[in-house]
PDB file of N, CA and C in Angstrom:
ATOM      1  N   MET A   1     113.121  74.488  53.971  1.00  0.00           N
ATOM      2  CA  MET A   1     113.031  73.979  55.315  1.00  0.00           C
ATOM      3  C   MET A   1     111.746  74.531  55.958  1.00  0.00           C
ATOM      4  N   ILE A   2     110.970  73.675  56.543  1.00  0.00           N
ATOM      5  CA  ILE A   2     109.720  74.065  57.186  1.00  0.00           C
ATOM      6  C   ILE A   2     110.002  74.433  58.638  1.00  0.00           C
ATOM      7  N   ASP A   3     109.503  75.595  59.051  1.00  0.00           N
ATOM      8  CA  ASP A   3     109.651  76.064  60.419  1.00  0.00           C
ATOM      9  C   ASP A   3     108.280  76.009  61.087  1.00  0.00           C
ATOM     10  N   ALA A   4     108.098  75.044  61.955  1.00  0.00           N
ATOM     11  CA  ALA A   4     106.807  74.853  62.617  1.00  0.00           C
ATOM     12  C   ALA A   4     106.455  76.003  63.551  1.00  0.00           C
ATOM     13  N   THR A   5     107.420  76.824  63.906  1.00  0.00           N
ATOM     14  CA  THR A   5     107.169  77.937  64.828  1.00  0.00           C
ATOM     15  C   THR A   5     106.915  79.264  64.114  1.00  0.00           C
ATOM     16  N   GLU A   6     107.020  79.278  62.798  1.00  0.00           N
ATOM     17  CA  GLU A   6     106.964  80.548  62.065  1.00  0.00           C
ATOM     18  C   GLU A   6     105.680  81.340  62.324  1.00  0.00           C
ATOM     19  N   ASN A   7     104.531  80.714  62.226  1.00  0.00           N
ATOM     20  CA  ASN A   7     103.270  81.438  62.421  1.00  0.00           C
ATOM     21  C   ASN A   7     103.144  81.993  63.839  1.00  0.00           C
ATOM     22  N   ILE A   8     103.549  81.223  64.809  1.00  0.00           N
ATOM     23  CA  ILE A   8     103.505  81.675  66.199  1.00  0.00           C
ATOM     24  C   ILE A   8     104.454  82.849  66.396  1.00  0.00           C
ATOM     25  N   ARG A   9     105.666  82.730  65.856  1.00  0.00           N
ATOM     26  CA  ARG A   9     106.645  83.804  65.998  1.00  0.00           C
ATOM     27  C   ARG A   9     106.185  85.082  65.299  1.00  0.00           C
ATOM     28  N   ARG A  10     105.579  84.943  64.126  1.00  0.00           N
ATOM     29  CA  ARG A  10     105.064  86.133  63.416  1.00  0.00           C
ATOM     30  C   ARG A  10     103.989  86.844  64.231  1.00  0.00           C
ATOM     31  N   ALA A  11     103.095  86.081  64.826  1.00  0.00           N
ATOM     32  CA  ALA A  11     102.040  86.675  65.654  1.00  0.00           C
ATOM     33  C   ALA A  11     102.643  87.379  66.874  1.00  0.00           C
ATOM     34  N   LEU A  12     103.603  86.740  67.513  1.00  0.00           N
ATOM     35  CA  LEU A  12     104.280  87.358  68.650  1.00  0.00           C
ATOM     36  C   LEU A  12     105.006  88.630  68.234  1.00  0.00           C
ATOM     37  N   MET A  13     105.668  88.582  67.097  1.00  0.00           N
ATOM     38  CA  MET A  13     106.412  89.729  66.595  1.00  0.00           C
ATOM     39  C   MET A  13     105.475  90.916  66.346  1.00  0.00           C
ATOM     40  N   GLN A  14     104.321  90.646  65.750  1.00  0.00           N
ATOM     41  CA  GLN A  14     103.353  91.722  65.518  1.00  0.00           C
ATOM     42  C   GLN A  14     102.858  92.306  66.834  1.00  0.00           C
ATOM     43  N   ARG A  15     102.590  91.453  67.787  1.00  0.00           N
ATOM     44  CA  ARG A  15     102.094  91.928  69.086  1.00  0.00           C
ATOM     45  C   ARG A  15     103.158  92.751  69.821  1.00  0.00           C
ATOM     46  N   ILE A  16     104.386  92.252  69.836  1.00  0.00           N
ATOM     47  CA  ILE A  16     105.472  92.952  70.530  1.00  0.00           C
ATOM     48  C   ILE A  16     105.756  94.304  69.882  1.00  0.00           C
ATOM     49  N   ASN A  17     105.728  94.350  68.555  1.00  0.00           N
ATOM     50  CA  ASN A  17     106.095  95.569  67.839  1.00  0.00           C
ATOM     51  C   ASN A  17     104.910  96.483  67.526  1.00  0.00           C
ATOM     52  N   ALA A  18     103.730  96.155  68.046  1.00  0.00           N
ATOM     53  CA  ALA A  18     102.549  96.984  67.788  1.00  0.00           C
ATOM     54  C   ALA A  18     102.707  98.380  68.377  1.00  0.00           C
ATOM     55  N   GLU A  19     103.475  98.478  69.441  1.00  0.00           N
ATOM     56  CA  GLU A  19     103.766  99.781  70.034  1.00  0.00           C
ATOM     57  C   GLU A  19     105.216  99.797  70.476  1.00  0.00           C
ATOM     58  N   ASN A  20     105.827 100.953  70.443  1.00  0.00           N
ATOM     59  CA  ASN A  20     107.216 101.094  70.867  1.00  0.00           C
ATOM     60  C   ASN A  20     107.255 101.253  72.379  1.00  0.00           C
ATOM     61  N   THR A  21     107.430 100.162  73.065  1.00  0.00           N
ATOM     62  CA  THR A  21     107.395 100.156  74.524  1.00  0.00           C
ATOM     63  C   THR A  21     108.712 100.700  75.074  1.00  0.00           C
ATOM     64  N   SER A  22     108.609 101.540  76.086  1.00  0.00           N
ATOM     65  CA  SER A  22     109.802 102.138  76.683  1.00  0.00           C
ATOM     66  C   SER A  22     110.560 101.101  77.505  1.00  0.00           C
ATOM     67  N   ARG A  23     111.822 101.395  77.728  1.00  0.00           N
ATOM     68  CA  ARG A  23     112.659 100.528  78.551  1.00  0.00           C
ATOM     69  C   ARG A  23     112.058 100.398  79.953  1.00  0.00           C
ATOM     70  N   GLU A  24     111.586 101.508  80.498  1.00  0.00           N
ATOM     71  CA  GLU A  24     111.025 101.501  81.843  1.00  0.00           C
ATOM     72  C   GLU A  24     109.797 100.585  81.935  1.00  0.00           C
ATOM     73  N   SER A  25     108.933 100.647  80.933  1.00  0.00           N
ATOM     74  CA  SER A  25     107.743  99.781  80.922  1.00  0.00           C
ATOM     75  C   SER A  25     108.125  98.314  80.809  1.00  0.00           C
ATOM     76  N   LEU A  26     109.087  98.026  79.952  1.00  0.00           N
ATOM     77  CA  LEU A  26     109.549  96.639  79.811  1.00  0.00           C
ATOM     78  C   LEU A  26     110.168  96.154  81.115  1.00  0.00           C
ATOM     79  N   LYS A  27     110.941  97.010  81.760  1.00  0.00           N
ATOM     80  CA  LYS A  27     111.599  96.630  83.009  1.00  0.00           C
ATOM     81  C   LYS A  27     110.572  96.331  84.101  1.00  0.00           C
ATOM     82  N   LYS A  28     109.524  97.134  84.189  1.00  0.00           N
ATOM     83  CA  LYS A  28     108.465  96.886  85.181  1.00  0.00           C
ATOM     84  C   LYS A  28     107.789  95.546  84.934  1.00  0.00           C
ATOM     85  N   ARG A  29     107.617  95.221  83.671  1.00  0.00           N
ATOM     86  CA  ARG A  29     106.886  93.998  83.324  1.00  0.00           C
ATOM     87  C   ARG A  29     107.752  92.741  83.349  1.00  0.00           C
ATOM     88  N   TYR A  30     109.016  92.848  82.893  1.00  0.00           N
ATOM     89  CA  TYR A  30     109.846  91.653  82.701  1.00  0.00           C
ATOM     90  C   TYR A  30     111.111  91.602  83.541  1.00  0.00           C
ATOM     91  N   GLY A  31     111.430  92.667  84.255  1.00  0.00           N
ATOM     92  CA  GLY A  31     112.690  92.688  84.998  1.00  0.00           C
ATOM     93  C   GLY A  31     113.793  93.275  84.151  1.00  0.00           C
ATOM     94  N   GLN A  32     114.950  92.645  84.150  1.00  0.00           N
ATOM     95  CA  GLN A  32     116.108  93.202  83.447  1.00  0.00           C
ATOM     96  C   GLN A  32     115.842  93.358  81.953  1.00  0.00           C
ATOM     97  N   VAL A  33     116.343  94.469  81.404  1.00  0.00           N
ATOM     98  CA  VAL A  33     116.215  94.794  79.987  1.00  0.00           C
ATOM     99  C   VAL A  33     117.599  95.164  79.475  1.00  0.00           C
ATOM    100  N   TRP A  34     117.931  94.714  78.275  1.00  0.00           N
ATOM    101  CA  TRP A  34     119.219  94.997  77.660  1.00  0.00           C
ATOM    102  C   TRP A  34     119.026  95.774  76.372  1.00  0.00           C
ATOM    103  N   ASP A  35     119.906  96.746  76.101  1.00  0.00           N
ATOM    104  CA  ASP A  35     119.977  97.313  74.758  1.00  0.00           C
ATOM    105  C   ASP A  35     121.005  96.482  73.996  1.00  0.00           C
ATOM    106  N   THR A  36     121.283  96.826  72.767  1.00  0.00           N
ATOM    107  CA  THR A  36     122.163  95.991  71.939  1.00  0.00           C
ATOM    108  C   THR A  36     123.569  95.896  72.514  1.00  0.00           C
ATOM    109  N   GLU A  37     124.131  97.000  72.963  1.00  0.00           N
ATOM    110  CA  GLU A  37     125.493  96.973  73.517  1.00  0.00           C
ATOM    111  C   GLU A  37     125.559  96.156  74.800  1.00  0.00           C
ATOM    112  N   GLU A  38     124.555  96.295  75.642  1.00  0.00           N
ATOM    113  CA  GLU A  38     124.505  95.516  76.885  1.00  0.00           C
ATOM    114  C   GLU A  38     124.358  94.030  76.582  1.00  0.00           C
ATOM    115  N   LEU A  39     123.558  93.710  75.580  1.00  0.00           N
ATOM    116  CA  LEU A  39     123.398  92.315  75.176  1.00  0.00           C
ATOM    117  C   LEU A  39     124.740  91.726  74.752  1.00  0.00           C
ATOM    118  N   LYS A  40     125.484  92.464  73.922  1.00  0.00           N
ATOM    119  CA  LYS A  40     126.793  91.992  73.448  1.00  0.00           C
ATOM    120  C   LYS A  40     127.768  91.780  74.598  1.00  0.00           C
ATOM    121  N   THR A  41     127.660  92.603  75.644  1.00  0.00           N
ATOM    122  CA  THR A  41     128.540  92.477  76.796  1.00  0.00           C
ATOM    123  C   THR A  41     128.212  91.227  77.613  1.00  0.00           C
ATOM    124  N   ASP A  42     126.932  90.977  77.828  1.00  0.00           N
ATOM    125  CA  ASP A  42     126.508  89.886  78.710  1.00  0.00           C
ATOM    126  C   ASP A  42     126.339  88.537  78.021  1.00  0.00           C
ATOM    127  N   PHE A  43     126.053  88.553  76.709  1.00  0.00           N
ATOM    128  CA  PHE A  43     125.713  87.309  76.013  1.00  0.00           C
ATOM    129  C   PHE A  43     126.420  87.186  74.669  1.00  0.00           C
ATOM    130  N   ALA A  44     126.641  85.953  74.275  1.00  0.00           N
ATOM    131  CA  ALA A  44     127.020  85.634  72.894  1.00  0.00           C
ATOM    132  C   ALA A  44     125.737  85.200  72.204  1.00  0.00           C
ATOM    133  N   VAL A  45     125.446  85.821  71.078  1.00  0.00           N
ATOM    134  CA  VAL A  45     124.232  85.483  70.340  1.00  0.00           C
ATOM    135  C   VAL A  45     124.484  84.225  69.521  1.00  0.00           C
ATOM    136  N   ILE A  46     123.615  83.249  69.686  1.00  0.00           N
ATOM    137  CA  ILE A  46     123.729  81.987  68.965  1.00  0.00           C
ATOM    138  C   ILE A  46     122.856  82.010  67.718  1.00  0.00           C
ATOM    139  N   ARG A  47     121.637  82.530  67.865  1.00  0.00           N
ATOM    140  CA  ARG A  47     120.693  82.511  66.737  1.00  0.00           C
ATOM    141  C   ARG A  47     119.560  83.493  66.962  1.00  0.00           C
ATOM    142  N   PHE A  48     119.163  84.158  65.896  1.00  0.00           N
ATOM    143  CA  PHE A  48     117.969  84.995  65.916  1.00  0.00           C
ATOM    144  C   PHE A  48     116.829  84.212  65.282  1.00  0.00           C
ATOM    145  N   ALA A  49     115.679  84.271  65.899  1.00  0.00           N
ATOM    146  CA  ALA A  49     114.449  83.707  65.355  1.00  0.00           C
ATOM    147  C   ALA A  49     113.343  84.647  65.818  1.00  0.00           C
ATOM    148  N   ALA A  50     113.271  85.798  65.167  1.00  0.00           N
ATOM    149  CA  ALA A  50     112.411  86.902  65.611  1.00  0.00           C
ATOM    150  C   ALA A  50     111.028  86.413  66.008  1.00  0.00           C
ATOM    151  N   PRO A  51     110.563  86.883  67.137  1.00  0.00           N
ATOM    152  CA  PRO A  51     111.070  87.908  68.034  1.00  0.00           C
ATOM    153  C   PRO A  51     111.918  87.356  69.181  1.00  0.00           C
ATOM    154  N   LEU A  52     112.579  86.248  68.945  1.00  0.00           N
ATOM    155  CA  LEU A  52     113.440  85.631  69.959  1.00  0.00           C
ATOM    156  C   LEU A  52     114.891  85.658  69.517  1.00  0.00           C
ATOM    157  N   VAL A  53     115.762  85.647  70.490  1.00  0.00           N
ATOM    158  CA  VAL A  53     117.186  85.480  70.237  1.00  0.00           C
ATOM    159  C   VAL A  53     117.682  84.430  71.232  1.00  0.00           C
ATOM    160  N   ILE A  54     118.444  83.481  70.717  1.00  0.00           N
ATOM    161  CA  ILE A  54     119.029  82.426  71.546  1.00  0.00           C
ATOM    162  C   ILE A  54     120.428  82.895  71.918  1.00  0.00           C
ATOM    163  N   VAL A  55     120.753  82.829  73.207  1.00  0.00           N
ATOM    164  CA  VAL A  55     122.003  83.405  73.695  1.00  0.00           C
ATOM    165  C   VAL A  55     122.720  82.459  74.646  1.00  0.00           C
ATOM    166  N   GLN A  56     124.006  82.765  74.855  1.00  0.00           N
ATOM    167  CA  GLN A  56     124.780  82.077  75.879  1.00  0.00           C
ATOM    168  C   GLN A  56     125.405  83.150  76.764  1.00  0.00           C
ATOM    169  N   ASN A  57     125.198  83.028  78.068  1.00  0.00           N
ATOM    170  CA  ASN A  57     125.736  83.984  79.019  1.00  0.00           C
ATOM    171  C   ASN A  57     127.254  83.893  79.012  1.00  0.00           C
ATOM    172  N   ARG A  58     127.921  85.008  78.803  1.00  0.00           N
ATOM    173  CA  ARG A  58     129.386  85.018  78.703  1.00  0.00           C
ATOM    174  C   ARG A  58     130.064  84.649  80.018  1.00  0.00           C
ATOM    175  N   SER A  59     129.478  84.986  81.152  1.00  0.00           N
ATOM    176  CA  SER A  59     130.147  84.713  82.429  1.00  0.00           C
ATOM    177  C   SER A  59     129.840  83.327  82.983  1.00  0.00           C
ATOM    178  N   THR A  60     128.653  82.780  82.706  1.00  0.00           N
ATOM    179  CA  THR A  60     128.278  81.490  83.295  1.00  0.00           C
ATOM    180  C   THR A  60     128.237  80.346  82.284  1.00  0.00           C
ATOM    181  N   GLY A  61     128.161  80.678  80.989  1.00  0.00           N
ATOM    182  CA  GLY A  61     128.027  79.639  79.968  1.00  0.00           C
ATOM    183  C   GLY A  61     126.605  79.144  79.799  1.00  0.00           C
ATOM    184  N   GLU A  62     125.698  79.639  80.628  1.00  0.00           N
ATOM    185  CA  GLU A  62     124.301  79.229  80.575  1.00  0.00           C
ATOM    186  C   GLU A  62     123.659  79.697  79.264  1.00  0.00           C
ATOM    187  N   ARG A  63     122.839  78.831  78.674  1.00  0.00           N
ATOM    188  CA  ARG A  63     122.101  79.188  77.465  1.00  0.00           C
ATOM    189  C   ARG A  63     120.672  79.531  77.811  1.00  0.00           C
ATOM    190  N   GLY A  64     120.098  80.417  76.986  1.00  0.00           N
ATOM    191  CA  GLY A  64     118.722  80.806  77.197  1.00  0.00           C
ATOM    192  C   GLY A  64     118.203  81.591  76.010  1.00  0.00           C
ATOM    193  N   SER A  65     117.070  82.231  76.210  1.00  0.00           N
ATOM    194  CA  SER A  65     116.463  83.027  75.140  1.00  0.00           C
ATOM    195  C   SER A  65     115.914  84.322  75.709  1.00  0.00           C
ATOM    196  N   LEU A  66     115.801  85.297  74.822  1.00  0.00           N
ATOM    197  CA  LEU A  66     115.233  86.599  75.138  1.00  0.00           C
ATOM    198  C   LEU A  66     114.280  86.981  74.033  1.00  0.00           C
ATOM    199  N   PHE A  67     113.246  87.718  74.375  1.00  0.00           N
ATOM    200  CA  PHE A  67     112.418  88.365  73.372  1.00  0.00           C
ATOM    201  C   PHE A  67     113.066  89.693  73.036  1.00  0.00           C
ATOM    202  N   PHE A  68     112.757  90.227  71.850  1.00  0.00           N
ATOM    203  CA  PHE A  68     113.206  91.584  71.547  1.00  0.00           C
ATOM    204  C   PHE A  68     112.155  92.307  70.726  1.00  0.00           C
ATOM    205  N   GLN A  69     112.143  93.625  70.915  1.00  0.00           N
ATOM    206  CA  GLN A  69     111.297  94.479  70.094  1.00  0.00           C
ATOM    207  C   GLN A  69     112.210  95.219  69.125  1.00  0.00           C
ATOM    208  N   HIS A  70     111.629  95.634  68.008  1.00  0.00           N
ATOM    209  CA  HIS A  70     112.414  96.230  66.940  1.00  0.00           C
ATOM    210  C   HIS A  70     112.866  97.657  67.234  1.00  0.00           C
ATOM    211  N   ASP A  71     111.928  98.543  67.602  1.00  0.00           N
ATOM    212  CA  ASP A  71     112.278  99.952  67.711  1.00  0.00           C
ATOM    213  C   ASP A  71     111.536 100.604  68.854  1.00  0.00           C
ATOM    214  N   PRO A  72     112.206 101.050  69.889  1.00  0.00           N
ATOM    215  CA  PRO A  72     113.645 100.923  70.077  1.00  0.00           C
ATOM    216  C   PRO A  72     114.015  99.480  70.406  1.00  0.00           C
ATOM    217  N   ARG A  73     115.216  99.069  69.981  1.00  0.00           N
ATOM    218  CA  ARG A  73     115.641  97.683  70.147  1.00  0.00           C
ATOM    219  C   ARG A  73     116.010  97.431  71.594  1.00  0.00           C
ATOM    220  N   PHE A  74     115.181  96.626  72.250  1.00  0.00           N
ATOM    221  CA  PHE A  74     115.441  96.175  73.608  1.00  0.00           C
ATOM    222  C   PHE A  74     115.197  94.673  73.673  1.00  0.00           C
ATOM    223  N   TYR A  75     115.985  94.026  74.504  1.00  0.00           N
ATOM    224  CA  TYR A  75     115.889  92.585  74.733  1.00  0.00           C
ATOM    225  C   TYR A  75     115.396  92.386  76.156  1.00  0.00           C
ATOM    226  N   PHE A  76     114.483  91.431  76.362  1.00  0.00           N
ATOM    227  CA  PHE A  76     113.843  91.297  77.666  1.00  0.00           C
ATOM    228  C   PHE A  76     113.291  89.891  77.846  1.00  0.00           C
ATOM    229  N   SER A  77     112.823  89.619  79.054  1.00  0.00           N
ATOM    230  CA  SER A  77     112.174  88.355  79.412  1.00  0.00           C
ATOM    231  C   SER A  77     113.109  87.160  79.219  1.00  0.00           C
ATOM    232  N   TYR A  78     114.300  87.250  79.826  1.00  0.00           N
ATOM    233  CA  TYR A  78     115.264  86.153  79.723  1.00  0.00           C
ATOM    234  C   TYR A  78     114.675  84.874  80.303  1.00  0.00           C
ATOM    235  N   GLU A  79     114.863  83.798  79.579  1.00  0.00           N
ATOM    236  CA  GLU A  79     114.391  82.475  80.008  1.00  0.00           C
ATOM    237  C   GLU A  79     115.553  81.498  79.836  1.00  0.00           C
ATOM    238  N   ARG A  80     115.973  80.893  80.936  1.00  0.00           N
ATOM    239  CA  ARG A  80     117.071  79.926  80.894  1.00  0.00           C
ATOM    240  C   ARG A  80     116.638  78.659  80.179  1.00  0.00           C
ATOM    241  N   ASP A  81     117.528  78.091  79.382  1.00  0.00           N
ATOM    242  CA  ASP A  81     117.268  76.836  78.692  1.00  0.00           C
ATOM    243  C   ASP A  81     117.418  75.696  79.699  1.00  0.00           C
ATOM    244  N   GLU A  82     116.357  74.957  79.883  1.00  0.00           N
ATOM    245  CA  GLU A  82     116.350  73.879  80.886  1.00  0.00           C
ATOM    246  C   GLU A  82     116.905  72.556  80.358  1.00  0.00           C
ATOM    247  N   SER A  83     117.138  72.462  79.060  1.00  0.00           N
ATOM    248  CA  SER A  83     117.589  71.160  78.513  1.00  0.00           C
ATOM    249  C   SER A  83     119.063  70.913  78.677  1.00  0.00           C
TER     250      SER A  83
END
């Protein structure tokens, strides 16, 4: 199966993981930040496509996506799915 987004995602993944950004820095830049346990509480994970994760909000049913960094694992920059 051909993934037309693979090269873009790989470049983003390298950029995001080039440095281990602190939670505080991510929060200043993107707003709310989740660790893995917080993510599980607030969202059901639909699909991983590094460095993105597709999620559904457990309380509202709204779908969206988040970026994540590998280490330390934080999820950030929530974007609601408009479709």
